[in-house]
Amino acid sequence: MKNNWHYWVIGVGSLLLMSITLYMNYDYATGLACDQQGIFGDMFGASNAFFTGLSFTGVIIAILLQRQELKLQRQELTLTRNEMELTRDEFATQNYTMKLQQFENTFFQMLNLSNSIINNSFLIEDENQYVGKQIFDKVNKEISRLINNFAKPQEIDENMTKYDFRMKVQKNKQRITSEEINKIYNTAYQKYRHILAHYFSTLNTIFNFVHHSDISKKNIYIDIIKSQMSTTEKIVFFYNSLKESDEYSEIRKLIKEYNILNDLEFQLLPNQDIASYLK
């Protein structure tokens, strides 16, 4: 209303001018003689043209007012669209937050399950009891024993010293391939299958769950899993990843993609060539 005051002034002024003109014409005409009023009536053609011009001015004013009204409507539509975009962004944020909460609830439940599996496991061997992650220490010792037996020289010279024997064993370890390590590990795995199978199946499921989720910053959750793995646990997990199957081929891809074993202590392996897929 405030922005249209000049249009209202023009409109009201035009109406007043028309009213004054008509009144003056009427007052003047009534004061004339009868024979002169006809002549005066012919002069209303000019007044008609004047009124037509004023009417045209009113039309222009109406068009201008309508244009301004349309401009205000466009501005209102723009504001409405902006509000809808903000609402949509807020909804997307809320939706992602809800998905993240659902993911984290499932993730930590699975992680607790994985920890409970190994923490509630125990192994009795050679009159010794191994509980929880101590089991990985025992499994790793068994794997090392099998590797040393595999690396023993086939022929032993009677003059061979203990030093020479150890050097040949070490040299043979450097020649062990990943396929041979896989066979050695499978021997140990079958011995402790009742513990390792369930545990590694759950652990691999968690890694796949994180990988296939829609969340961002997946490395954060991978690092949480890594932080709870002991040194010997990572070594056994590495040996377990060497299995020849499509399932473990996918696990090796995840290990490399997320650097799951980037802090693996390679000096504890018989040689570094067997861990070439990590590089």
C-alpha atoms as a PDB file:
ATOM      1  CA  MET A   1       0.000   0.000   0.000  1.00  0.00           C
ATOM      2  CA  LYS A   2       2.809   2.380   0.902  1.00  0.00           C
ATOM      3  CA  ASN A   3       4.674   1.590  -2.321  1.00  0.00           C
ATOM      4  CA  ASN A   4       1.531   2.308  -4.428  1.00  0.00           C
ATOM      5  CA  TRP A   5       0.619   5.702  -2.957  1.00  0.00           C
ATOM      6  CA  HIS A   6       1.469   7.592  -6.149  1.00  0.00           C
ATOM      7  CA  TYR A   7      -0.917   5.350  -8.130  1.00  0.00           C
ATOM      8  CA  TRP A   8      -3.656   6.047  -5.645  1.00  0.00           C
ATOM      9  CA  VAL A   9      -2.977   9.797  -5.839  1.00  0.00           C
ATOM     10  CA  ILE A  10      -3.249   9.713  -9.630  1.00  0.00           C
ATOM     11  CA  GLY A  11      -6.443   7.623  -9.504  1.00  0.00           C
ATOM     12  CA  VAL A  12      -8.164   9.712  -6.858  1.00  0.00           C
ATOM     13  CA  GLY A  13      -7.024  12.918  -8.555  1.00  0.00           C
ATOM     14  CA  SER A  14      -8.456  11.716 -11.865  1.00  0.00           C
ATOM     15  CA  LEU A  15     -11.827  10.961 -10.251  1.00  0.00           C
ATOM     16  CA  LEU A  16     -11.922  14.374  -8.593  1.00  0.00           C
ATOM     17  CA  LEU A  17     -11.006  16.070 -11.855  1.00  0.00           C
ATOM     18  CA  MET A  18     -13.735  14.191 -13.720  1.00  0.00           C
ATOM     19  CA  SER A  19     -16.278  15.045 -11.039  1.00  0.00           C
ATOM     20  CA  ILE A  20     -15.318  18.725 -11.012  1.00  0.00           C
ATOM     21  CA  THR A  21     -15.423  18.888 -14.826  1.00  0.00           C
ATOM     22  CA  LEU A  22     -18.868  17.290 -14.970  1.00  0.00           C
ATOM     23  CA  TYR A  23     -20.182  19.553 -12.258  1.00  0.00           C
ATOM     24  CA  MET A  24     -18.833  22.679 -13.911  1.00  0.00           C
ATOM     25  CA  ASN A  25     -20.279  21.627 -17.282  1.00  0.00           C
ATOM     26  CA  TYR A  26     -23.633  20.917 -15.714  1.00  0.00           C
ATOM     27  CA  ASP A  27     -23.684  24.184 -13.783  1.00  0.00           C
ATOM     28  CA  TYR A  28     -22.679  26.143 -16.847  1.00  0.00           C
ATOM     29  CA  ALA A  29     -25.222  24.388 -19.082  1.00  0.00           C
ATOM     30  CA  THR A  30     -28.165  25.011 -16.772  1.00  0.00           C
ATOM     31  CA  GLY A  31     -27.406  28.728 -16.850  1.00  0.00           C
ATOM     32  CA  LEU A  32     -27.705  28.978 -20.652  1.00  0.00           C
ATOM     33  CA  ALA A  33     -30.776  29.716 -22.703  1.00  0.00           C
ATOM     34  CA  CYS A  34     -32.572  26.808 -24.316  1.00  0.00           C
ATOM     35  CA  ASP A  35     -31.404  27.631 -27.828  1.00  0.00           C
ATOM     36  CA  GLN A  36     -27.764  27.731 -26.665  1.00  0.00           C
ATOM     37  CA  GLN A  37     -27.834  24.472 -24.623  1.00  0.00           C
ATOM     38  CA  GLY A  38     -27.910  22.343 -27.793  1.00  0.00           C
ATOM     39  CA  ILE A  39     -24.778  24.043 -29.078  1.00  0.00           C
ATOM     40  CA  PHE A  40     -23.138  23.553 -25.710  1.00  0.00           C
ATOM     41  CA  GLY A  41     -24.046  19.841 -25.752  1.00  0.00           C
ATOM     42  CA  ASP A  42     -22.068  19.398 -28.930  1.00  0.00           C
ATOM     43  CA  MET A  43     -19.013  20.602 -27.016  1.00  0.00           C
ATOM     44  CA  PHE A  44     -19.191  17.426 -24.806  1.00  0.00           C
ATOM     45  CA  GLY A  45     -17.289  15.542 -27.512  1.00  0.00           C
ATOM     46  CA  ALA A  46     -14.099  17.162 -26.212  1.00  0.00           C
ATOM     47  CA  SER A  47     -15.077  16.205 -22.657  1.00  0.00           C
ATOM     48  CA  ASN A  48     -15.684  12.644 -23.786  1.00  0.00           C
ATOM     49  CA  ALA A  49     -12.204  12.518 -25.279  1.00  0.00           C
ATOM     50  CA  PHE A  50     -10.831  13.933 -22.032  1.00  0.00           C
ATOM     51  CA  PHE A  51     -12.684  11.304 -19.991  1.00  0.00           C
ATOM     52  CA  THR A  52     -11.527   8.564 -22.338  1.00  0.00           C
ATOM     53  CA  GLY A  53      -7.952   9.666 -21.764  1.00  0.00           C
ATOM     54  CA  LEU A  54      -8.495   9.563 -18.025  1.00  0.00           C
ATOM     55  CA  SER A  55     -10.034   6.085 -18.360  1.00  0.00           C
ATOM     56  CA  PHE A  56      -6.982   4.965 -20.299  1.00  0.00           C
ATOM     57  CA  THR A  57      -4.833   6.348 -17.500  1.00  0.00           C
ATOM     58  CA  GLY A  58      -6.868   4.236 -15.067  1.00  0.00           C
ATOM     59  CA  VAL A  59      -6.269   1.149 -17.178  1.00  0.00           C
ATOM     60  CA  ILE A  60      -2.530   1.828 -17.173  1.00  0.00           C
ATOM     61  CA  ILE A  61      -2.608   2.287 -13.415  1.00  0.00           C
ATOM     62  CA  ALA A  62      -4.499  -1.021 -13.040  1.00  0.00           C
ATOM     63  CA  ILE A  63      -1.895  -2.779 -15.229  1.00  0.00           C
ATOM     64  CA  LEU A  64       0.926  -1.316 -13.162  1.00  0.00           C
ATOM     65  CA  LEU A  65      -0.763  -2.396  -9.944  1.00  0.00           C
ATOM     66  CA  GLN A  66      -1.294  -5.881 -11.323  1.00  0.00           C
ATOM     67  CA  ARG A  67       2.334  -6.093 -12.410  1.00  0.00           C
ATOM     68  CA  GLN A  68       3.468  -5.109  -8.943  1.00  0.00           C
ATOM     69  CA  GLU A  69       1.112  -7.686  -7.458  1.00  0.00           C
ATOM     70  CA  LEU A  70       2.620 -10.358  -9.712  1.00  0.00           C
ATOM     71  CA  LYS A  71       6.101  -9.273  -8.655  1.00  0.00           C
ATOM     72  CA  LEU A  72       5.139  -9.684  -5.003  1.00  0.00           C
ATOM     73  CA  GLN A  73       3.718 -13.125  -5.778  1.00  0.00           C
ATOM     74  CA  ARG A  74       6.961 -14.149  -7.490  1.00  0.00           C
ATOM     75  CA  GLN A  75       8.940 -12.955  -4.488  1.00  0.00           C
ATOM     76  CA  GLU A  76       6.646 -14.922  -2.195  1.00  0.00           C
ATOM     77  CA  LEU A  77       7.041 -18.011  -4.373  1.00  0.00           C
ATOM     78  CA  THR A  78      10.840 -17.592  -4.256  1.00  0.00           C
ATOM     79  CA  LEU A  79      10.744 -17.377  -0.453  1.00  0.00           C
ATOM     80  CA  THR A  80       8.481 -20.420  -0.313  1.00  0.00           C
ATOM     81  CA  ARG A  81      10.830 -22.374  -2.587  1.00  0.00           C
ATOM     82  CA  ASN A  82      13.818 -21.400  -0.444  1.00  0.00           C
ATOM     83  CA  GLU A  83      11.989 -22.511   2.690  1.00  0.00           C
ATOM     84  CA  MET A  84      11.140 -25.825   1.014  1.00  0.00           C
ATOM     85  CA  GLU A  85      14.795 -26.347   0.087  1.00  0.00           C
ATOM     86  CA  LEU A  86      15.842 -25.629   3.671  1.00  0.00           C
ATOM     87  CA  THR A  87      13.190 -28.026   4.915  1.00  0.00           C
ATOM     88  CA  ARG A  88      14.369 -30.667   2.446  1.00  0.00           C
ATOM     89  CA  ASP A  89      17.996 -30.230   3.566  1.00  0.00           C
ATOM     90  CA  GLU A  90      16.939 -30.452   7.190  1.00  0.00           C
ATOM     91  CA  PHE A  91      14.941 -33.589   6.451  1.00  0.00           C
ATOM     92  CA  ALA A  92      17.934 -35.128   4.627  1.00  0.00           C
ATOM     93  CA  THR A  93      20.127 -34.340   7.638  1.00  0.00           C
ATOM     94  CA  GLN A  94      17.611 -35.870  10.031  1.00  0.00           C
ATOM     95  CA  ASN A  95      17.282 -38.922   7.794  1.00  0.00           C
ATOM     96  CA  TYR A  96      21.076 -39.406   7.685  1.00  0.00           C
ATOM     97  CA  THR A  97      21.298 -38.955  11.460  1.00  0.00           C
ATOM     98  CA  MET A  98      18.625 -41.612  11.953  1.00  0.00           C
ATOM     99  CA  LYS A  99      20.428 -44.001   9.567  1.00  0.00           C
ATOM    100  CA  LEU A 100      23.723 -43.335  11.358  1.00  0.00           C
ATOM    101  CA  GLN A 101      22.150 -44.123  14.733  1.00  0.00           C
ATOM    102  CA  GLN A 102      20.685 -47.349  13.379  1.00  0.00           C
ATOM    103  CA  PHE A 103      24.047 -48.273  11.856  1.00  0.00           C
ATOM    104  CA  GLU A 104      25.954 -47.554  15.068  1.00  0.00           C
ATOM    105  CA  ASN A 105      23.501 -49.537  17.170  1.00  0.00           C
ATOM    106  CA  THR A 106      23.941 -52.568  14.907  1.00  0.00           C
ATOM    107  CA  PHE A 107      27.701 -52.054  14.590  1.00  0.00           C
ATOM    108  CA  PHE A 108      28.384 -51.948  18.332  1.00  0.00           C
ATOM    109  CA  GLN A 109      26.052 -54.879  18.974  1.00  0.00           C
ATOM    110  CA  MET A 110      27.988 -56.929  16.420  1.00  0.00           C
ATOM    111  CA  LEU A 111      31.301 -55.765  17.905  1.00  0.00           C
ATOM    112  CA  ASN A 112      30.160 -56.748  21.398  1.00  0.00           C
ATOM    113  CA  LEU A 113      29.122 -60.139  20.023  1.00  0.00           C
ATOM    114  CA  SER A 114      32.550 -60.610  18.435  1.00  0.00           C
ATOM    115  CA  ASN A 115      34.309 -59.698  21.692  1.00  0.00           C
ATOM    116  CA  SER A 116      32.054 -61.938  23.761  1.00  0.00           C
ATOM    117  CA  ILE A 117      32.762 -64.896  21.463  1.00  0.00           C
ATOM    118  CA  ILE A 118      36.499 -64.741  22.054  1.00  0.00           C
ATOM    119  CA  ASN A 119      36.327 -63.541  25.679  1.00  0.00           C
ATOM    120  CA  ASN A 120      34.083 -66.453  26.627  1.00  0.00           C
ATOM    121  CA  SER A 121      36.261 -68.973  24.795  1.00  0.00           C
ATOM    122  CA  PHE A 122      38.920 -71.038  26.515  1.00  0.00           C
ATOM    123  CA  LEU A 123      41.442 -73.640  25.434  1.00  0.00           C
ATOM    124  CA  ILE A 124      43.109 -76.316  27.551  1.00  0.00           C
ATOM    125  CA  GLU A 125      46.244 -77.822  26.057  1.00  0.00           C
ATOM    126  CA  ASP A 126      49.325 -79.405  27.652  1.00  0.00           C
ATOM    127  CA  GLU A 127      47.759 -78.824  31.062  1.00  0.00           C
ATOM    128  CA  ASN A 128      47.674 -75.090  30.359  1.00  0.00           C
ATOM    129  CA  GLN A 129      44.515 -73.024  30.040  1.00  0.00           C
ATOM    130  CA  TYR A 130      44.218 -70.159  27.572  1.00  0.00           C
ATOM    131  CA  VAL A 131      41.332 -67.722  27.967  1.00  0.00           C
ATOM    132  CA  GLY A 132      40.107 -64.993  25.633  1.00  0.00           C
ATOM    133  CA  LYS A 133      42.730 -63.453  23.408  1.00  0.00           C
ATOM    134  CA  GLN A 134      45.420 -65.624  24.958  1.00  0.00           C
ATOM    135  CA  ILE A 135      44.124 -68.217  22.522  1.00  0.00           C
ATOM    136  CA  PHE A 136      45.648 -66.253  19.640  1.00  0.00           C
ATOM    137  CA  ASP A 137      49.040 -66.421  21.361  1.00  0.00           C
ATOM    138  CA  LYS A 138      48.718 -70.208  21.492  1.00  0.00           C
ATOM    139  CA  VAL A 139      47.475 -70.470  17.888  1.00  0.00           C
ATOM    140  CA  ASN A 140      50.343 -68.279  16.666  1.00  0.00           C
ATOM    141  CA  LYS A 141      52.872 -70.441  18.541  1.00  0.00           C
ATOM    142  CA  GLU A 142      51.378 -73.525  16.917  1.00  0.00           C
ATOM    143  CA  ILE A 143      51.649 -71.932  13.465  1.00  0.00           C
ATOM    144  CA  SER A 144      55.273 -70.950  14.157  1.00  0.00           C
ATOM    145  CA  ARG A 145      56.031 -74.526  15.249  1.00  0.00           C
ATOM    146  CA  LEU A 146      54.511 -75.907  12.043  1.00  0.00           C
ATOM    147  CA  ILE A 147      56.472 -73.391   9.949  1.00  0.00           C
ATOM    148  CA  ASN A 148      59.746 -74.365  11.656  1.00  0.00           C
ATOM    149  CA  ASN A 149      59.040 -78.045  11.043  1.00  0.00           C
ATOM    150  CA  PHE A 150      58.242 -77.298   7.401  1.00  0.00           C
ATOM    151  CA  ALA A 151      61.469 -75.308   7.029  1.00  0.00           C
ATOM    152  CA  LYS A 152      63.729 -77.991   8.505  1.00  0.00           C
ATOM    153  CA  PRO A 153      66.334 -79.199   5.993  1.00  0.00           C
ATOM    154  CA  GLN A 154      65.526 -82.578   4.441  1.00  0.00           C
ATOM    155  CA  GLU A 155      69.075 -83.793   4.784  1.00  0.00           C
ATOM    156  CA  ILE A 156      71.131 -83.121   7.893  1.00  0.00           C
ATOM    157  CA  ASP A 157      74.874 -83.475   7.750  1.00  0.00           C
ATOM    158  CA  GLU A 158      76.464 -85.101  10.784  1.00  0.00           C
ATOM    159  CA  ASN A 159      78.969 -82.242  10.910  1.00  0.00           C
ATOM    160  CA  MET A 160      76.262 -79.595  10.785  1.00  0.00           C
ATOM    161  CA  THR A 161      76.414 -77.264  13.783  1.00  0.00           C
ATOM    162  CA  LYS A 162      73.367 -75.886  15.559  1.00  0.00           C
ATOM    163  CA  TYR A 163      74.177 -72.496  14.071  1.00  0.00           C
ATOM    164  CA  ASP A 164      74.284 -73.934  10.550  1.00  0.00           C
ATOM    165  CA  PHE A 165      71.000 -75.751  11.207  1.00  0.00           C
ATOM    166  CA  ARG A 166      69.286 -72.549  12.359  1.00  0.00           C
ATOM    167  CA  MET A 167      70.622 -70.650   9.361  1.00  0.00           C
ATOM    168  CA  LYS A 168      69.248 -73.274   6.951  1.00  0.00           C
ATOM    169  CA  VAL A 169      65.876 -73.186   8.671  1.00  0.00           C
ATOM    170  CA  GLN A 170      65.843 -69.403   8.396  1.00  0.00           C
ATOM    171  CA  LYS A 171      66.852 -69.567   4.750  1.00  0.00           C
ATOM    172  CA  ASN A 172      64.078 -72.048   4.011  1.00  0.00           C
ATOM    173  CA  LYS A 173      61.587 -69.769   5.758  1.00  0.00           C
ATOM    174  CA  GLN A 174      62.487 -67.023   3.319  1.00  0.00           C
ATOM    175  CA  ARG A 175      61.491 -69.349   0.465  1.00  0.00           C
ATOM    176  CA  ILE A 176      58.077 -70.298   1.850  1.00  0.00           C
ATOM    177  CA  THR A 177      55.286 -69.175  -0.454  1.00  0.00           C
ATOM    178  CA  SER A 178      51.833 -67.925   0.482  1.00  0.00           C
ATOM    179  CA  GLU A 179      50.335 -71.179  -0.846  1.00  0.00           C
ATOM    180  CA  GLU A 180      52.575 -73.200   1.501  1.00  0.00           C
ATOM    181  CA  ILE A 181      51.737 -70.889   4.401  1.00  0.00           C
ATOM    182  CA  ASN A 182      48.063 -71.388   3.614  1.00  0.00           C
ATOM    183  CA  LYS A 183      48.448 -75.176   3.891  1.00  0.00           C
ATOM    184  CA  ILE A 184      50.387 -74.816   7.151  1.00  0.00           C
ATOM    185  CA  TYR A 185      47.762 -72.484   8.571  1.00  0.00           C
ATOM    186  CA  ASN A 186      44.930 -74.802   7.564  1.00  0.00           C
ATOM    187  CA  THR A 187      46.563 -77.520   9.683  1.00  0.00           C
ATOM    188  CA  ALA A 188      46.473 -75.230  12.713  1.00  0.00           C
ATOM    189  CA  TYR A 189      43.018 -73.948  11.777  1.00  0.00           C
ATOM    190  CA  GLN A 190      41.543 -77.451  11.748  1.00  0.00           C
ATOM    191  CA  LYS A 191      43.008 -78.019  15.200  1.00  0.00           C
ATOM    192  CA  TYR A 192      41.352 -74.892  16.628  1.00  0.00           C
ATOM    193  CA  ARG A 193      38.436 -74.687  14.237  1.00  0.00           C
ATOM    194  CA  HIS A 194      35.839 -74.802  17.033  1.00  0.00           C
ATOM    195  CA  ILE A 195      37.056 -71.375  18.176  1.00  0.00           C
ATOM    196  CA  LEU A 196      38.483 -69.682  15.080  1.00  0.00           C
ATOM    197  CA  ALA A 197      35.638 -70.456  12.648  1.00  0.00           C
ATOM    198  CA  HIS A 198      32.928 -68.692  14.654  1.00  0.00           C
ATOM    199  CA  TYR A 199      35.156 -65.778  15.629  1.00  0.00           C
ATOM    200  CA  PHE A 200      36.524 -64.966  12.158  1.00  0.00           C
ATOM    201  CA  SER A 201      33.119 -65.449  10.541  1.00  0.00           C
ATOM    202  CA  THR A 202      31.701 -62.787  12.863  1.00  0.00           C
ATOM    203  CA  LEU A 203      34.680 -60.473  12.383  1.00  0.00           C
ATOM    204  CA  ASN A 204      34.508 -60.714   8.586  1.00  0.00           C
ATOM    205  CA  THR A 205      30.777 -60.028   8.735  1.00  0.00           C
ATOM    206  CA  ILE A 206      31.424 -56.799  10.661  1.00  0.00           C
ATOM    207  CA  PHE A 207      33.982 -55.626   8.101  1.00  0.00           C
ATOM    208  CA  ASN A 208      31.541 -56.332   5.269  1.00  0.00           C
ATOM    209  CA  PHE A 209      28.723 -54.622   7.153  1.00  0.00           C
ATOM    210  CA  VAL A 210      30.750 -51.412   7.456  1.00  0.00           C
ATOM    211  CA  HIS A 211      31.947 -51.609   3.860  1.00  0.00           C
ATOM    212  CA  HIS A 212      28.445 -52.017   2.360  1.00  0.00           C
ATOM    213  CA  SER A 213      26.782 -49.394   4.571  1.00  0.00           C
ATOM    214  CA  ASP A 214      25.668 -45.960   3.310  1.00  0.00           C
ATOM    215  CA  ILE A 215      27.560 -43.992   5.955  1.00  0.00           C
ATOM    216  CA  SER A 216      30.533 -41.738   5.351  1.00  0.00           C
ATOM    217  CA  LYS A 217      33.896 -41.932   7.169  1.00  0.00           C
ATOM    218  CA  LYS A 218      33.856 -45.722   7.293  1.00  0.00           C
ATOM    219  CA  ASN A 219      37.511 -45.749   8.353  1.00  0.00           C
ATOM    220  CA  ILE A 220      36.478 -44.491  11.782  1.00  0.00           C
ATOM    221  CA  TYR A 221      34.566 -47.713  12.468  1.00  0.00           C
ATOM    222  CA  ILE A 222      37.247 -49.896  10.880  1.00  0.00           C
ATOM    223  CA  ASP A 223      39.791 -48.255  13.198  1.00  0.00           C
ATOM    224  CA  ILE A 224      37.576 -49.053  16.196  1.00  0.00           C
ATOM    225  CA  ILE A 225      37.741 -52.746  15.261  1.00  0.00           C
ATOM    226  CA  LYS A 226      41.495 -52.581  14.654  1.00  0.00           C
ATOM    227  CA  SER A 227      42.120 -50.909  18.030  1.00  0.00           C
ATOM    228  CA  GLN A 228      40.639 -53.934  19.817  1.00  0.00           C
ATOM    229  CA  MET A 229      42.783 -56.499  17.996  1.00  0.00           C
ATOM    230  CA  SER A 230      45.945 -57.762  19.675  1.00  0.00           C
ATOM    231  CA  THR A 231      49.264 -58.271  17.847  1.00  0.00           C
ATOM    232  CA  THR A 232      48.962 -62.055  17.619  1.00  0.00           C
ATOM    233  CA  GLU A 233      45.274 -61.715  16.733  1.00  0.00           C
ATOM    234  CA  LYS A 234      46.219 -59.615  13.691  1.00  0.00           C
ATOM    235  CA  ILE A 235      48.841 -62.182  12.674  1.00  0.00           C
ATOM    236  CA  VAL A 236      46.342 -65.051  12.850  1.00  0.00           C
ATOM    237  CA  PHE A 237      43.776 -62.873  11.062  1.00  0.00           C
ATOM    238  CA  PHE A 238      46.357 -62.315   8.296  1.00  0.00           C
ATOM    239  CA  TYR A 239      47.014 -66.050   7.924  1.00  0.00           C
ATOM    240  CA  ASN A 240      43.260 -66.634   7.870  1.00  0.00           C
ATOM    241  CA  SER A 241      42.862 -64.101   5.031  1.00  0.00           C
ATOM    242  CA  LEU A 242      45.147 -66.197   2.794  1.00  0.00           C
ATOM    243  CA  LYS A 243      42.471 -68.853   2.325  1.00  0.00           C
ATOM    244  CA  GLU A 244      41.681 -69.603  -1.304  1.00  0.00           C
ATOM    245  CA  SER A 245      38.014 -68.774  -1.771  1.00  0.00           C
ATOM    246  CA  ASP A 246      35.912 -65.938  -3.171  1.00  0.00           C
ATOM    247  CA  GLU A 247      34.875 -64.951   0.346  1.00  0.00           C
ATOM    248  CA  TYR A 248      38.464 -64.419   1.447  1.00  0.00           C
ATOM    249  CA  SER A 249      39.352 -62.768  -1.829  1.00  0.00           C
ATOM    250  CA  GLU A 250      36.832 -60.076  -0.864  1.00  0.00           C
ATOM    251  CA  ILE A 251      38.285 -59.891   2.644  1.00  0.00           C
ATOM    252  CA  ARG A 252      41.763 -59.301   1.202  1.00  0.00           C
ATOM    253  CA  LYS A 253      40.352 -56.406  -0.842  1.00  0.00           C
ATOM    254  CA  LEU A 254      38.854 -54.874   2.293  1.00  0.00           C
ATOM    255  CA  ILE A 255      42.102 -55.369   4.223  1.00  0.00           C
ATOM    256  CA  LYS A 256      43.979 -53.476   1.533  1.00  0.00           C
ATOM    257  CA  GLU A 257      41.314 -50.787   0.957  1.00  0.00           C
ATOM    258  CA  TYR A 258      40.966 -49.848   4.633  1.00  0.00           C
ATOM    259  CA  ASN A 259      44.577 -50.587   5.678  1.00  0.00           C
ATOM    260  CA  ILE A 260      43.305 -53.009   8.298  1.00  0.00           C
ATOM    261  CA  LEU A 261      46.734 -54.615   8.712  1.00  0.00           C
ATOM    262  CA  ASN A 262      48.890 -51.552   8.078  1.00  0.00           C
ATOM    263  CA  ASP A 263      50.448 -51.930  11.556  1.00  0.00           C
ATOM    264  CA  LEU A 264      51.079 -55.655  11.225  1.00  0.00           C
ATOM    265  CA  GLU A 265      54.484 -56.611  12.667  1.00  0.00           C
ATOM    266  CA  PHE A 266      55.992 -58.184   9.557  1.00  0.00           C
ATOM    267  CA  GLN A 267      59.086 -59.383  11.424  1.00  0.00           C
ATOM    268  CA  LEU A 268      56.872 -61.953  13.119  1.00  0.00           C
ATOM    269  CA  LEU A 269      56.104 -63.545   9.741  1.00  0.00           C
ATOM    270  CA  PRO A 270      58.449 -66.133   8.162  1.00  0.00           C
ATOM    271  CA  ASN A 271      59.029 -63.679   5.292  1.00  0.00           C
ATOM    272  CA  GLN A 272      57.469 -60.507   3.931  1.00  0.00           C
ATOM    273  CA  ASP A 273      56.757 -61.900   0.458  1.00  0.00           C
ATOM    274  CA  ILE A 274      53.709 -63.740   1.747  1.00  0.00           C
ATOM    275  CA  ALA A 275      52.216 -60.354   2.688  1.00  0.00           C
ATOM    276  CA  SER A 276      52.775 -58.871  -0.778  1.00  0.00           C
ATOM    277  CA  TYR A 277      49.038 -58.341  -1.355  1.00  0.00           C
ATOM    278  CA  LEU A 278      49.036 -55.749   1.456  1.00  0.00           C
ATOM    279  CA  LYS A 279      51.424 -53.472  -0.437  1.00  0.00           C
END
